[in-house]
């Protein structure tokens, strides 16, 4: 039986990964997000990972703060759901 060669390990775009992390975890780390307090620690680690990915991608401090929820839930979700221009 032939096995299909896996393309793993593949490189993921750091900005796309950061958007996914923010979209899934920002509700638990912002006051106005309405998330669960019990998930704060785990979500905070993932938001910090997103911050590091954006730093490696060349985002400034202000852009990273806006993207990771320092400006509130709505601002972070607007950034995370916005389509990238190619």
PDB file of N, CA and C in Angstrom:
ATOM      1  N   UNK A   1       0.837  -1.167   0.000  1.00  0.00           N
ATOM      2  CA  UNK A   1       0.000   0.000   0.000  1.00  0.00           C
ATOM      3  C   UNK A   1       0.889   1.239   0.000  1.00  0.00           C
ATOM      4  N   UNK A   2       0.624   2.141  -0.915  1.00  0.00           N
ATOM      5  CA  UNK A   2       1.399   3.367  -0.996  1.00  0.00           C
ATOM      6  C   UNK A   2       0.797   4.422  -0.075  1.00  0.00           C
ATOM      7  N   UNK A   3       1.674   5.143   0.557  1.00  0.00           N
ATOM      8  CA  UNK A   3       1.230   6.220   1.419  1.00  0.00           C
ATOM      9  C   UNK A   3       1.539   7.550   0.754  1.00  0.00           C
ATOM     10  N   UNK A   4       0.630   8.453   0.900  1.00  0.00           N
ATOM     11  CA  UNK A   4       0.834   9.785   0.361  1.00  0.00           C
ATOM     12  C   UNK A   4       1.874  10.508   1.216  1.00  0.00           C
ATOM     13  N   UNK A   5       2.818  11.118   0.556  1.00  0.00           N
ATOM     14  CA  UNK A   5       3.849  11.844   1.280  1.00  0.00           C
ATOM     15  C   UNK A   5       3.223  13.068   1.946  1.00  0.00           C
ATOM     16  N   UNK A   6       3.476  13.203   3.201  1.00  0.00           N
ATOM     17  CA  UNK A   6       2.907  14.304   3.964  1.00  0.00           C
ATOM     18  C   UNK A   6       3.679  15.584   3.666  1.00  0.00           C
ATOM     19  N   UNK A   7       2.990  16.676   3.654  1.00  0.00           N
ATOM     20  CA  UNK A   7       3.638  17.967   3.445  1.00  0.00           C
ATOM     21  C   UNK A   7       3.983  18.615   4.780  1.00  0.00           C
ATOM     22  N   UNK A   8       3.855  17.856   5.848  1.00  0.00           N
ATOM     23  CA  UNK A   8       4.208  18.367   7.168  1.00  0.00           C
ATOM     24  C   UNK A   8       5.708  18.263   7.332  1.00  0.00           C
ATOM     25  N   UNK A   9       6.450  19.097   7.885  1.00  0.00           N
ATOM     26  CA  UNK A   9       6.114  20.363   8.515  1.00  0.00           C
ATOM     27  C   UNK A   9       6.024  21.484   7.490  1.00  0.00           C
ATOM     28  N   UNK A  10       4.917  22.136   7.466  1.00  0.00           N
ATOM     29  CA  UNK A  10       4.708  23.229   6.533  1.00  0.00           C
ATOM     30  C   UNK A  10       4.786  24.545   7.279  1.00  0.00           C
ATOM     31  N   UNK A  11       5.114  25.566   6.558  1.00  0.00           N
ATOM     32  CA  UNK A  11       5.225  26.895   7.149  1.00  0.00           C
ATOM     33  C   UNK A  11       3.877  27.596   7.060  1.00  0.00           C
ATOM     34  N   UNK A  12       3.404  28.079   8.168  1.00  0.00           N
ATOM     35  CA  UNK A  12       2.167  28.821   8.214  1.00  0.00           C
ATOM     36  C   UNK A  12       2.505  30.307   8.279  1.00  0.00           C
ATOM     37  N   UNK A  13       1.746  31.102   7.577  1.00  0.00           N
ATOM     38  CA  UNK A  13       1.931  32.537   7.629  1.00  0.00           C
ATOM     39  C   UNK A  13       1.709  33.005   9.069  1.00  0.00           C
ATOM     40  N   UNK A  14       2.683  33.699   9.676  1.00  0.00           N
ATOM     41  CA  UNK A  14       2.533  34.087  11.081  1.00  0.00           C
ATOM     42  C   UNK A  14       1.357  35.023  11.335  1.00  0.00           C
ATOM     43  N   UNK A  15       1.020  35.859  10.378  1.00  0.00           N
ATOM     44  CA  UNK A  15      -0.104  36.776  10.571  1.00  0.00           C
ATOM     45  C   UNK A  15      -1.422  36.004  10.571  1.00  0.00           C
ATOM     46  N   UNK A  16      -1.554  35.023   9.687  1.00  0.00           N
ATOM     47  CA  UNK A  16      -2.775  34.212   9.663  1.00  0.00           C
ATOM     48  C   UNK A  16      -2.927  33.427  10.963  1.00  0.00           C
ATOM     49  N   UNK A  17      -1.826  32.884  11.457  1.00  0.00           N
ATOM     50  CA  UNK A  17      -1.886  32.130  12.705  1.00  0.00           C
ATOM     51  C   UNK A  17      -2.240  33.057  13.859  1.00  0.00           C
ATOM     52  N   UNK A  18      -1.677  34.261  13.870  1.00  0.00           N
ATOM     53  CA  UNK A  18      -1.986  35.225  14.927  1.00  0.00           C
ATOM     54  C   UNK A  18      -3.453  35.624  14.880  1.00  0.00           C
ATOM     55  N   UNK A  19      -3.997  35.810  13.677  1.00  0.00           N
ATOM     56  CA  UNK A  19      -5.415  36.154  13.552  1.00  0.00           C
ATOM     57  C   UNK A  19      -6.295  35.042  14.109  1.00  0.00           C
ATOM     58  N   UNK A  20      -5.932  33.801  13.814  1.00  0.00           N
ATOM     59  CA  UNK A  20      -6.708  32.677  14.325  1.00  0.00           C
ATOM     60  C   UNK A  20      -6.642  32.624  15.852  1.00  0.00           C
ATOM     61  N   UNK A  21      -5.460  32.811  16.414  1.00  0.00           N
ATOM     62  CA  UNK A  21      -5.310  32.789  17.863  1.00  0.00           C
ATOM     63  C   UNK A  21      -6.104  33.906  18.522  1.00  0.00           C
ATOM     64  N   UNK A  22      -6.053  35.107  17.950  1.00  0.00           N
ATOM     65  CA  UNK A  22      -6.778  36.243  18.515  1.00  0.00           C
ATOM     66  C   UNK A  22      -8.278  36.009  18.425  1.00  0.00           C
ATOM     67  N   UNK A  23      -8.742  35.560  17.268  1.00  0.00           N
ATOM     68  CA  UNK A  23     -10.182  35.358  17.069  1.00  0.00           C
ATOM     69  C   UNK A  23     -10.739  34.340  18.067  1.00  0.00           C
ATOM     70  N   UNK A  24      -9.974  33.309  18.368  1.00  0.00           N
ATOM     71  CA  UNK A  24     -10.457  32.260  19.255  1.00  0.00           C
ATOM     72  C   UNK A  24     -10.287  32.568  20.738  1.00  0.00           C
ATOM     73  N   UNK A  25      -9.418  33.525  21.103  1.00  0.00           N
ATOM     74  CA  UNK A  25      -9.084  33.709  22.513  1.00  0.00           C
ATOM     75  C   UNK A  25      -9.276  35.107  23.065  1.00  0.00           C
ATOM     76  N   UNK A  26      -9.579  36.092  22.248  1.00  0.00           N
ATOM     77  CA  UNK A  26      -9.644  37.463  22.751  1.00  0.00           C
ATOM     78  C   UNK A  26     -10.841  37.685  23.668  1.00  0.00           C
ATOM     79  N   UNK A  27     -11.900  36.937  23.505  1.00  0.00           N
ATOM     80  CA  UNK A  27     -13.083  37.115  24.354  1.00  0.00           C
ATOM     81  C   UNK A  27     -12.770  36.809  25.816  1.00  0.00           C
ATOM     82  N   UNK A  28     -11.860  35.887  26.069  1.00  0.00           N
ATOM     83  CA  UNK A  28     -11.525  35.510  27.442  1.00  0.00           C
ATOM     84  C   UNK A  28     -10.503  36.432  28.089  1.00  0.00           C
ATOM     85  N   UNK A  29      -9.887  37.326  27.330  1.00  0.00           N
ATOM     86  CA  UNK A  29      -8.846  38.191  27.893  1.00  0.00           C
ATOM     87  C   UNK A  29      -9.241  39.650  27.958  1.00  0.00           C
ATOM     88  N   UNK A  30     -10.373  40.036  27.393  1.00  0.00           N
ATOM     89  CA  UNK A  30     -10.811  41.431  27.454  1.00  0.00           C
ATOM     90  C   UNK A  30     -12.026  41.564  28.364  1.00  0.00           C
ATOM     91  N   UNK A  31     -12.178  42.738  28.947  1.00  0.00           N
ATOM     92  CA  UNK A  31     -13.277  42.979  29.873  1.00  0.00           C
ATOM     93  C   UNK A  31     -14.613  42.964  29.153  1.00  0.00           C
ATOM     94  N   UNK A  32     -14.660  43.539  27.969  1.00  0.00           N
ATOM     95  CA  UNK A  32     -15.925  43.642  27.239  1.00  0.00           C
ATOM     96  C   UNK A  32     -16.193  42.457  26.319  1.00  0.00           C
ATOM     97  N   UNK A  33     -15.378  41.408  26.399  1.00  0.00           N
ATOM     98  CA  UNK A  33     -15.535  40.256  25.520  1.00  0.00           C
ATOM     99  C   UNK A  33     -16.601  39.277  25.946  1.00  0.00           C
ATOM    100  N   UNK A  34     -16.904  39.217  27.220  1.00  0.00           N
ATOM    101  CA  UNK A  34     -17.925  38.306  27.696  1.00  0.00           C
ATOM    102  C   UNK A  34     -17.476  36.863  27.780  1.00  0.00           C
ATOM    103  N   UNK A  35     -16.181  36.629  27.863  1.00  0.00           N
ATOM    104  CA  UNK A  35     -15.678  35.258  27.946  1.00  0.00           C
ATOM    105  C   UNK A  35     -15.682  34.735  29.365  1.00  0.00           C
ATOM    106  N   UNK A  36     -15.146  33.548  29.538  1.00  0.00           N
ATOM    107  CA  UNK A  36     -15.110  32.897  30.851  1.00  0.00           C
ATOM    108  C   UNK A  36     -13.815  33.236  31.577  1.00  0.00           C
ATOM    109  N   UNK A  37     -13.941  33.557  32.864  1.00  0.00           N
ATOM    110  CA  UNK A  37     -12.753  33.864  33.666  1.00  0.00           C
ATOM    111  C   UNK A  37     -11.879  32.638  33.877  1.00  0.00           C
ATOM    112  N   UNK A  38     -12.476  31.468  33.863  1.00  0.00           N
ATOM    113  CA  UNK A  38     -11.710  30.245  34.103  1.00  0.00           C
ATOM    114  C   UNK A  38     -10.743  29.942  32.960  1.00  0.00           C
ATOM    115  N   UNK A  39     -10.968  30.514  31.796  1.00  0.00           N
ATOM    116  CA  UNK A  39     -10.102  30.265  30.635  1.00  0.00           C
ATOM    117  C   UNK A  39      -9.097  31.393  30.406  1.00  0.00           C
ATOM    118  N   UNK A  40      -9.017  32.343  31.353  1.00  0.00           N
ATOM    119  CA  UNK A  40      -8.168  33.512  31.161  1.00  0.00           C
ATOM    120  C   UNK A  40      -6.698  33.151  30.996  1.00  0.00           C
ATOM    121  N   UNK A  41      -6.158  32.317  31.874  1.00  0.00           N
ATOM    122  CA  UNK A  41      -4.726  32.011  31.836  1.00  0.00           C
ATOM    123  C   UNK A  41      -4.306  31.371  30.528  1.00  0.00           C
ATOM    124  N   UNK A  42      -5.055  30.373  30.087  1.00  0.00           N
ATOM    125  CA  UNK A  42      -4.721  29.683  28.838  1.00  0.00           C
ATOM    126  C   UNK A  42      -4.864  30.625  27.638  1.00  0.00           C
ATOM    127  N   UNK A  43      -5.926  31.422  27.639  1.00  0.00           N
ATOM    128  CA  UNK A  43      -6.147  32.362  26.535  1.00  0.00           C
ATOM    129  C   UNK A  43      -5.089  33.453  26.523  1.00  0.00           C
ATOM    130  N   UNK A  44      -4.659  33.885  27.700  1.00  0.00           N
ATOM    131  CA  UNK A  44      -3.637  34.920  27.780  1.00  0.00           C
ATOM    132  C   UNK A  44      -2.324  34.426  27.184  1.00  0.00           C
ATOM    133  N   UNK A  45      -1.971  33.168  27.425  1.00  0.00           N
ATOM    134  CA  UNK A  45      -0.755  32.602  26.825  1.00  0.00           C
ATOM    135  C   UNK A  45      -0.852  32.590  25.306  1.00  0.00           C
ATOM    136  N   UNK A  46      -2.025  32.282  24.789  1.00  0.00           N
ATOM    137  CA  UNK A  46      -2.199  32.244  23.338  1.00  0.00           C
ATOM    138  C   UNK A  46      -2.173  33.640  22.732  1.00  0.00           C
ATOM    139  N   UNK A  47      -2.707  34.620  23.456  1.00  0.00           N
ATOM    140  CA  UNK A  47      -2.639  36.010  22.979  1.00  0.00           C
ATOM    141  C   UNK A  47      -1.186  36.488  22.980  1.00  0.00           C
ATOM    142  N   UNK A  48      -0.407  36.087  23.981  1.00  0.00           N
ATOM    143  CA  UNK A  48       1.009  36.455  24.006  1.00  0.00           C
ATOM    144  C   UNK A  48       1.768  35.791  22.849  1.00  0.00           C
ATOM    145  N   UNK A  49       1.398  34.570  22.489  1.00  0.00           N
ATOM    146  CA  UNK A  49       1.993  33.890  21.334  1.00  0.00           C
ATOM    147  C   UNK A  49       1.667  34.657  20.056  1.00  0.00           C
ATOM    148  N   UNK A  50       0.414  35.123  19.946  1.00  0.00           N
ATOM    149  CA  UNK A  50       0.026  35.923  18.783  1.00  0.00           C
ATOM    150  C   UNK A  50       0.834  37.215  18.730  1.00  0.00           C
ATOM    151  N   UNK A  51       1.084  37.812  19.884  1.00  0.00           N
ATOM    152  CA  UNK A  51       1.889  39.031  19.952  1.00  0.00           C
ATOM    153  C   UNK A  51       3.299  38.778  19.442  1.00  0.00           C
ATOM    154  N   UNK A  52       3.892  37.657  19.829  1.00  0.00           N
ATOM    155  CA  UNK A  52       5.243  37.313  19.365  1.00  0.00           C
ATOM    156  C   UNK A  52       5.266  37.052  17.855  1.00  0.00           C
ATOM    157  N   UNK A  53       4.238  36.398  17.334  1.00  0.00           N
ATOM    158  CA  UNK A  53       4.168  36.153  15.890  1.00  0.00           C
ATOM    159  C   UNK A  53       4.075  37.465  15.117  1.00  0.00           C
ATOM    160  N   UNK A  54       3.280  38.396  15.637  1.00  0.00           N
ATOM    161  CA  UNK A  54       3.155  39.692  14.967  1.00  0.00           C
ATOM    162  C   UNK A  54       4.446  40.490  15.062  1.00  0.00           C
ATOM    163  N   UNK A  55       5.153  40.351  16.170  1.00  0.00           N
ATOM    164  CA  UNK A  55       6.437  41.031  16.326  1.00  0.00           C
ATOM    165  C   UNK A  55       7.430  40.525  15.285  1.00  0.00           C
ATOM    166  N   UNK A  56       7.451  39.201  15.081  1.00  0.00           N
ATOM    167  CA  UNK A  56       8.334  38.612  14.074  1.00  0.00           C
ATOM    168  C   UNK A  56       7.929  39.028  12.662  1.00  0.00           C
ATOM    169  N   UNK A  57       6.632  39.313  12.456  1.00  0.00           N
ATOM    170  CA  UNK A  57       6.148  39.714  11.140  1.00  0.00           C
ATOM    171  C   UNK A  57       6.397  41.197  10.860  1.00  0.00           C
ATOM    172  N   UNK A  58       6.911  41.938  11.851  1.00  0.00           N
ATOM    173  CA  UNK A  58       7.272  43.329  11.628  1.00  0.00           C
ATOM    174  C   UNK A  58       6.224  44.342  12.037  1.00  0.00           C
ATOM    175  N   UNK A  59       5.258  43.954  12.829  1.00  0.00           N
ATOM    176  CA  UNK A  59       4.239  44.895  13.294  1.00  0.00           C
ATOM    177  C   UNK A  59       4.822  45.784  14.387  1.00  0.00           C
ATOM    178  N   UNK A  60       4.379  47.046  14.441  1.00  0.00           N
ATOM    179  CA  UNK A  60       4.832  47.966  15.478  1.00  0.00           C
ATOM    180  C   UNK A  60       4.104  47.664  16.778  1.00  0.00           C
ATOM    181  N   UNK A  61       4.547  48.295  17.857  1.00  0.00           N
ATOM    182  CA  UNK A  61       3.935  48.066  19.168  1.00  0.00           C
ATOM    183  C   UNK A  61       2.459  48.467  19.160  1.00  0.00           C
ATOM    184  N   UNK A  62       2.143  49.605  18.569  1.00  0.00           N
ATOM    185  CA  UNK A  62       0.750  50.053  18.512  1.00  0.00           C
ATOM    186  C   UNK A  62      -0.138  49.107  17.717  1.00  0.00           C
ATOM    187  N   UNK A  63       0.376  48.614  16.618  1.00  0.00           N
ATOM    188  CA  UNK A  63      -0.397  47.665  15.802  1.00  0.00           C
ATOM    189  C   UNK A  63      -0.619  46.359  16.551  1.00  0.00           C
ATOM    190  N   UNK A  64       0.408  45.897  17.273  1.00  0.00           N
ATOM    191  CA  UNK A  64       0.270  44.657  18.039  1.00  0.00           C
ATOM    192  C   UNK A  64      -0.716  44.826  19.179  1.00  0.00           C
ATOM    193  N   UNK A  65      -0.704  45.979  19.853  1.00  0.00           N
ATOM    194  CA  UNK A  65      -1.644  46.216  20.943  1.00  0.00           C
ATOM    195  C   UNK A  65      -3.081  46.231  20.437  1.00  0.00           C
ATOM    196  N   UNK A  66      -3.306  46.888  19.314  1.00  0.00           N
ATOM    197  CA  UNK A  66      -4.649  46.929  18.746  1.00  0.00           C
ATOM    198  C   UNK A  66      -5.106  45.533  18.337  1.00  0.00           C
ATOM    199  N   UNK A  67      -4.213  44.753  17.767  1.00  0.00           N
ATOM    200  CA  UNK A  67      -4.565  43.428  17.267  1.00  0.00           C
ATOM    201  C   UNK A  67      -4.846  42.432  18.382  1.00  0.00           C
ATOM    202  N   UNK A  68      -4.164  42.575  19.515  1.00  0.00           N
ATOM    203  CA  UNK A  68      -4.303  41.581  20.572  1.00  0.00           C
ATOM    204  C   UNK A  68      -5.279  41.976  21.668  1.00  0.00           C
ATOM    205  N   UNK A  69      -6.025  43.043  21.491  1.00  0.00           N
ATOM    206  CA  UNK A  69      -7.117  43.337  22.407  1.00  0.00           C
ATOM    207  C   UNK A  69      -6.889  44.449  23.399  1.00  0.00           C
ATOM    208  N   UNK A  70      -5.798  45.200  23.306  1.00  0.00           N
ATOM    209  CA  UNK A  70      -5.583  46.303  24.243  1.00  0.00           C
ATOM    210  C   UNK A  70      -6.617  47.408  24.016  1.00  0.00           C
ATOM    211  N   UNK A  71      -7.123  47.509  22.810  1.00  0.00           N
ATOM    212  CA  UNK A  71      -8.140  48.516  22.498  1.00  0.00           C
ATOM    213  C   UNK A  71      -9.554  48.016  22.707  1.00  0.00           C
ATOM    214  N   UNK A  72      -9.710  46.813  23.178  1.00  0.00           N
ATOM    215  CA  UNK A  72     -11.029  46.253  23.426  1.00  0.00           C
ATOM    216  C   UNK A  72     -11.347  45.105  22.482  1.00  0.00           C
ATOM    217  N   UNK A  73     -12.414  44.423  22.811  1.00  0.00           N
ATOM    218  CA  UNK A  73     -12.831  43.238  22.072  1.00  0.00           C
ATOM    219  C   UNK A  73     -13.174  43.557  20.624  1.00  0.00           C
ATOM    220  N   UNK A  74     -13.947  44.630  20.407  1.00  0.00           N
ATOM    221  CA  UNK A  74     -14.404  44.953  19.055  1.00  0.00           C
ATOM    222  C   UNK A  74     -13.235  45.290  18.140  1.00  0.00           C
ATOM    223  N   UNK A  75     -12.276  46.051  18.637  1.00  0.00           N
ATOM    224  CA  UNK A  75     -11.113  46.425  17.819  1.00  0.00           C
ATOM    225  C   UNK A  75     -10.293  45.190  17.433  1.00  0.00           C
ATOM    226  N   UNK A  76     -10.116  44.283  18.383  1.00  0.00           N
ATOM    227  CA  UNK A  76      -9.342  43.072  18.093  1.00  0.00           C
ATOM    228  C   UNK A  76     -10.070  42.173  17.101  1.00  0.00           C
ATOM    229  N   UNK A  77     -11.382  42.037  17.253  1.00  0.00           N
ATOM    230  CA  UNK A  77     -12.137  41.188  16.332  1.00  0.00           C
ATOM    231  C   UNK A  77     -12.215  41.815  14.941  1.00  0.00           C
ATOM    232  N   UNK A  78     -12.278  43.136  14.869  1.00  0.00           N
ATOM    233  CA  UNK A  78     -12.252  43.800  13.562  1.00  0.00           C
ATOM    234  C   UNK A  78     -10.945  43.485  12.845  1.00  0.00           C
ATOM    235  N   UNK A  79      -9.835  43.522  13.577  1.00  0.00           N
ATOM    236  CA  UNK A  79      -8.546  43.208  12.971  1.00  0.00           C
ATOM    237  C   UNK A  79      -8.475  41.730  12.575  1.00  0.00           C
ATOM    238  N   UNK A  80      -8.951  40.860  13.454  1.00  0.00           N
ATOM    239  CA  UNK A  80      -8.826  39.416  13.204  1.00  0.00           C
ATOM    240  C   UNK A  80      -9.706  38.934  12.058  1.00  0.00           C
ATOM    241  N   UNK A  81     -10.820  39.593  11.810  1.00  0.00           N
ATOM    242  CA  UNK A  81     -11.731  39.152  10.763  1.00  0.00           C
ATOM    243  C   UNK A  81     -11.539  39.911   9.461  1.00  0.00           C
ATOM    244  N   UNK A  82     -10.653  40.909   9.451  1.00  0.00           N
ATOM    245  CA  UNK A  82     -10.395  41.672   8.231  1.00  0.00           C
ATOM    246  C   UNK A  82      -9.566  40.841   7.262  1.00  0.00           C
ATOM    247  N   UNK A  83      -9.943  40.848   6.009  1.00  0.00           N
ATOM    248  CA  UNK A  83      -9.201  40.113   4.977  1.00  0.00           C
ATOM    249  C   UNK A  83      -7.891  40.837   4.665  1.00  0.00           C
ATOM    250  N   UNK A  84      -6.844  40.062   4.438  1.00  0.00           N
ATOM    251  CA  UNK A  84      -5.562  40.619   4.042  1.00  0.00           C
ATOM    252  C   UNK A  84      -5.581  40.937   2.562  1.00  0.00           C
ATOM    253  N   UNK A  85      -4.975  42.059   2.204  1.00  0.00           N
ATOM    254  CA  UNK A  85      -4.843  42.415   0.790  1.00  0.00           C
ATOM    255  C   UNK A  85      -3.596  41.745   0.256  1.00  0.00           C
ATOM    256  N   UNK A  86      -3.725  41.138  -0.903  1.00  0.00           N
ATOM    257  CA  UNK A  86      -2.563  40.476  -1.516  1.00  0.00           C
ATOM    258  C   UNK A  86      -2.123  41.186  -2.756  1.00  0.00           C
TER     259      UNK A  86
END
